[in-house]
Amino acid sequence: MRQFPGKLKSFLRSQTGSVTVEFVASVPVLLAGLAVCFEFGRAFLAYEIASTDMEVAARYLSHTSSVTAASILQAENLAQCGTTTTGCTKHWPWNVGGATSPSITETTESCTTTGRCATCSAVGTDCLPFNQDVTDVKLAAQIPMTLSLLGYIGVNELYTMQIVDRVMWIGS
C-alpha cells in the first residue's frame, strides 16, 4: 500500500500527455470561435447583398419616367431576382423563408411655391433652386436569418435584418 502514494506523486509530476490534454481542452473553444466567425460572415454577406439589391432597385426607380405600380413591381423583381420580369426565381438571401418583398413608397412634393419641401426639411437640406418637384422613394425590406451552426450548441434564434434605402431626385 505504500507504493500507491509514491506512484500518485510520480503521475502528478509527469509531463507526458499534458499537450494532448491541453489540445483536447482548447479545441471546443476554437471551434466555437470559428463557428461564430462563420455565422457573422454569412449574416454580413446576406446584409451586403440585400443592401446592394435595394440600391439597384432605387437606382432603377430614379431612372424611370414616373413611378407607377408597374415600375415598383419591376424594381421589386430587380432587387430579388436580378431581372425586371415577373415570375423569376429569387436569389439568396431573398429566397429565405419569411423574407418580405421590398416595401416601396413614393411621394412627390412641389417646391415651386414654398422654396423648401417638407421632404428636404426632414433631411435637413434646402431644395435646390430649380423650381421643380422633388420625388422621394423609400425602400424597406426584412430578411430573417437563422444562425445554423450555432444551433448545435442550443442557440436557435431567428434574427431579422432590416434593410432601408432612400433615393431623392429633382424633376423627371
Protein backbone atom coordinates (compact mmCIF):
# COMPACT_ATOMS: atom_id res chain seq x y z
CA MET A 1 0.00 0.00 0.00
CA ARG A 2 2.89 2.33 0.50
CA GLN A 3 3.69 2.29 -3.20
CA PHE A 4 0.38 3.94 -4.16
CA PRO A 5 1.18 7.45 -2.79
CA GLY A 6 4.55 7.35 -4.46
CA LYS A 7 3.06 6.39 -7.82
CA LEU A 8 0.42 9.09 -7.45
CA LYS A 9 3.09 11.72 -6.85
CA SER A 10 5.05 10.47 -9.82
CA PHE A 11 1.91 10.56 -12.03
CA LEU A 12 1.06 14.11 -10.98
CA ARG A 13 4.60 15.35 -11.64
CA SER A 14 4.87 13.70 -15.04
CA GLN A 15 4.68 15.96 -18.14
CA THR A 16 3.80 13.12 -20.52
CA GLY A 17 0.42 13.72 -22.21
CA SER A 18 -0.06 17.30 -21.00
CA VAL A 19 -0.03 18.66 -24.55
CA THR A 20 -2.79 16.25 -25.52
CA VAL A 21 -4.92 17.29 -22.57
CA GLU A 22 -4.43 20.99 -23.38
CA PHE A 23 -5.31 20.35 -27.03
CA VAL A 24 -8.47 18.45 -26.12
CA ALA A 25 -9.48 21.23 -23.73
CA SER A 26 -8.88 24.05 -26.23
CA VAL A 27 -10.42 22.53 -29.40
CA PRO A 28 -14.08 23.19 -28.42
CA VAL A 29 -13.27 26.83 -27.69
CA LEU A 30 -11.50 27.23 -31.02
CA LEU A 31 -14.34 25.52 -32.94
CA ALA A 32 -16.95 27.71 -31.21
CA GLY A 33 -14.97 30.82 -32.18
CA LEU A 34 -14.72 29.58 -35.76
CA ALA A 35 -18.48 28.94 -35.89
CA VAL A 36 -19.24 32.44 -34.59
CA CYS A 37 -16.90 33.97 -37.20
CA PHE A 38 -18.51 31.93 -39.98
CA GLU A 39 -22.06 32.87 -38.94
CA PHE A 40 -21.18 36.56 -38.62
CA GLY A 41 -19.60 36.50 -42.07
CA ARG A 42 -22.64 34.78 -43.59
CA ALA A 43 -25.04 37.28 -41.99
CA PHE A 44 -22.85 40.20 -43.12
CA LEU A 45 -22.77 38.84 -46.68
CA ALA A 46 -26.57 38.49 -46.70
CA TYR A 47 -26.97 42.07 -45.49
CA GLU A 48 -24.49 43.36 -48.07
CA ILE A 49 -26.21 41.54 -50.94
CA ALA A 50 -29.68 42.71 -49.88
CA SER A 51 -28.46 46.27 -49.37
CA THR A 52 -26.88 46.33 -52.83
CA ASP A 53 -30.08 44.91 -54.33
CA MET A 54 -32.10 47.67 -52.68
CA GLU A 55 -29.71 50.30 -54.07
CA VAL A 56 -30.13 48.82 -57.56
CA ALA A 57 -33.93 48.95 -57.21
CA ALA A 58 -33.77 52.57 -56.02
CA ARG A 59 -31.49 53.49 -58.91
CA TYR A 60 -33.87 51.77 -61.34
CA LEU A 61 -36.81 53.76 -59.97
CA SER A 62 -34.88 57.01 -60.22
CA HIS A 63 -34.35 56.40 -63.94
CA THR A 64 -37.98 55.66 -64.79
CA SER A 65 -40.06 58.48 -66.22
CA SER A 66 -42.70 58.11 -63.49
CA VAL A 67 -43.07 55.82 -60.50
CA THR A 68 -46.08 53.61 -61.18
CA ALA A 69 -47.32 50.31 -59.77
CA ALA A 70 -45.71 48.51 -62.72
CA SER A 71 -42.32 50.17 -62.21
CA ILE A 72 -42.47 49.40 -58.48
CA LEU A 73 -43.13 45.72 -59.26
CA GLN A 74 -40.24 45.74 -61.72
CA ALA A 75 -37.97 47.28 -59.07
CA GLU A 76 -39.01 44.60 -56.55
CA ASN A 77 -38.23 41.88 -59.10
CA LEU A 78 -34.91 43.55 -59.90
CA ALA A 79 -33.96 43.56 -56.22
CA GLN A 80 -34.97 39.96 -55.55
CA CYS A 81 -34.16 38.25 -58.85
CA GLY A 82 -31.78 40.48 -60.78
CA THR A 83 -34.27 40.95 -63.61
CA THR A 84 -37.40 43.07 -64.09
CA THR A 85 -39.56 40.23 -65.42
CA THR A 86 -42.25 38.74 -63.21
CA GLY A 87 -42.22 35.10 -62.16
CA CYS A 88 -38.45 34.97 -61.74
CA THR A 89 -36.52 32.86 -59.26
CA LYS A 90 -35.39 34.79 -56.19
CA HIS A 91 -31.70 34.61 -55.31
CA TRP A 92 -30.18 34.32 -51.85
CA PRO A 93 -30.94 35.89 -49.33
CA TRP A 94 -34.36 36.78 -50.76
CA ASN A 95 -35.32 33.11 -51.12
CA VAL A 96 -35.07 32.51 -47.36
CA GLY A 97 -38.47 31.65 -45.90
CA GLY A 98 -40.13 34.72 -44.44
CA ALA A 99 -38.20 37.32 -46.46
CA THR A 100 -40.51 40.19 -47.34
CA SER A 101 -40.61 41.89 -50.70
CA PRO A 102 -39.21 45.40 -50.63
CA SER A 103 -41.84 47.86 -49.45
CA ILE A 104 -41.57 50.85 -51.78
CA THR A 105 -43.29 54.16 -51.08
CA GLU A 106 -43.08 57.17 -53.35
CA THR A 107 -44.03 60.78 -52.71
CA THR A 108 -43.74 63.80 -54.97
CA GLU A 109 -43.67 67.26 -53.47
CA SER A 110 -43.77 70.61 -55.15
CA CYS A 111 -41.02 73.06 -54.25
CA THR A 112 -42.11 75.76 -56.67
CA THR A 113 -44.32 77.67 -54.23
CA THR A 114 -42.51 77.38 -50.90
CA GLY A 115 -38.91 77.01 -52.00
CA ARG A 116 -38.44 74.40 -49.29
CA CYS A 117 -40.10 70.98 -49.38
CA ALA A 118 -41.20 69.01 -46.35
CA THR A 119 -39.03 66.15 -47.58
CA CYS A 120 -36.00 68.40 -47.85
CA SER A 121 -36.74 69.83 -44.41
CA ALA A 122 -36.88 66.33 -42.93
CA VAL A 123 -33.48 65.54 -44.41
CA GLY A 124 -32.16 68.91 -43.27
CA THR A 125 -31.26 70.32 -46.66
CA ASP A 126 -32.73 73.06 -48.79
CA CYS A 127 -34.25 72.23 -52.14
CA LEU A 128 -32.03 73.21 -54.98
CA PRO A 129 -33.29 76.35 -56.75
CA PHE A 130 -34.59 74.55 -59.84
CA ASN A 131 -38.29 75.23 -59.11
CA GLN A 132 -39.16 71.62 -59.88
CA ASP A 133 -40.82 68.82 -57.99
CA VAL A 134 -38.86 66.52 -55.70
CA THR A 135 -39.54 62.79 -55.83
CA ASP A 136 -38.69 60.82 -52.71
CA VAL A 137 -38.67 57.00 -52.85
CA LYS A 138 -38.18 54.89 -49.72
CA LEU A 139 -37.44 51.17 -49.88
CA ALA A 140 -37.57 48.83 -46.88
CA ALA A 141 -37.34 45.05 -46.54
CA GLN A 142 -36.91 42.46 -43.83
CA ILE A 143 -34.91 39.25 -44.17
CA PRO A 144 -34.89 36.58 -41.44
CA MET A 145 -31.59 34.88 -40.65
CA THR A 146 -31.09 31.74 -38.58
CA LEU A 147 -27.61 31.11 -37.28
CA SER A 148 -27.49 27.45 -38.32
CA LEU A 149 -24.11 26.41 -36.90
CA LEU A 150 -24.92 27.87 -33.51
CA GLY A 151 -27.97 25.59 -33.36
CA TYR A 152 -25.67 22.76 -32.32
CA ILE A 153 -24.97 24.50 -29.03
CA GLY A 154 -28.60 25.44 -28.44
CA VAL A 155 -28.74 28.92 -29.98
CA ASN A 156 -31.74 28.69 -32.32
CA GLU A 157 -32.61 32.37 -32.51
CA LEU A 158 -34.22 33.90 -35.59
CA TYR A 159 -32.74 37.33 -36.30
CA THR A 160 -34.40 39.75 -38.69
CA MET A 161 -32.28 42.07 -40.80
CA GLN A 162 -33.95 45.32 -41.80
CA ILE A 163 -32.65 46.95 -44.95
CA VAL A 164 -33.71 50.51 -45.75
CA ASP A 165 -32.73 52.66 -48.69
CA ARG A 166 -33.88 56.05 -49.89
CA VAL A 167 -33.39 57.99 -53.08
CA MET A 168 -34.47 61.53 -53.97
CA TRP A 169 -34.34 63.29 -57.29
CA ILE A 170 -35.49 66.56 -58.75
CA GLY A 171 -37.59 66.64 -61.88
CA SER A 172 -38.32 63.67 -64.08
